């Protein structure tokens, strides 16, 4: 028996599938593809799968992963993506399968590719919006409210802005790298909503997760 990790993309209409429903989709795909994986014991046995970093509803992603245990040590891992893709809906595609290297607890940050525009067409040109965002991110403090187990709490997001990279595009586009993982997870919408409030403009954000990293900036594998 060996620990196996598949990497998959989630896009299109599938980005509106919740994490719980994604779990169900993957369980059905594993069953249909007849992968010989370890099942939980007990009265209600089911295939045991885990996800490294759940994806927020409405986000697309290039770098999702799911773990399970293959019972047959001689299983051809290179054939698993094709077997699973035959059982998955359009918008979820497995592109790699390999033995797991790092534990999910090692994840420390995630990178997001974001396209941002005003809800009302023509309200703010992309160049003006970009200038306002850079000025906002340059503030010494970015105070907003974050929901915690004890209720709403004021938090300064500035220390959590690990990287900001503008991208040349027809629309306003940039990348943000933020803390992610079991210990600390900063949703990019928290920062984007604070920015929208600061300029008094409703914004539409198209968000795609493009990287997940462990300590030192190494790719999670």
Foldseek 3Di string as FASTA:
>chain_A
DAKKKWWKWADDPRLQQAQVVVVVLQQVLCVQLVFQFDWDDDDDIGFDKDWLAGDDRQATERTTMMMTGHPDPPDDQVCVQVSSVVSHDPRMGTDGMDGFDDHSQQWWKWKKKKFKDFPDPPPAAQVRLVVLVVVQLPDPWQWDWDQDPVGIDIDTCNVFFPDWAWDDDNTTIIMTMGTGGDPDHDDVVRVVVSSCVVVVTHMDMHMYTYFIAGPPRHGRD
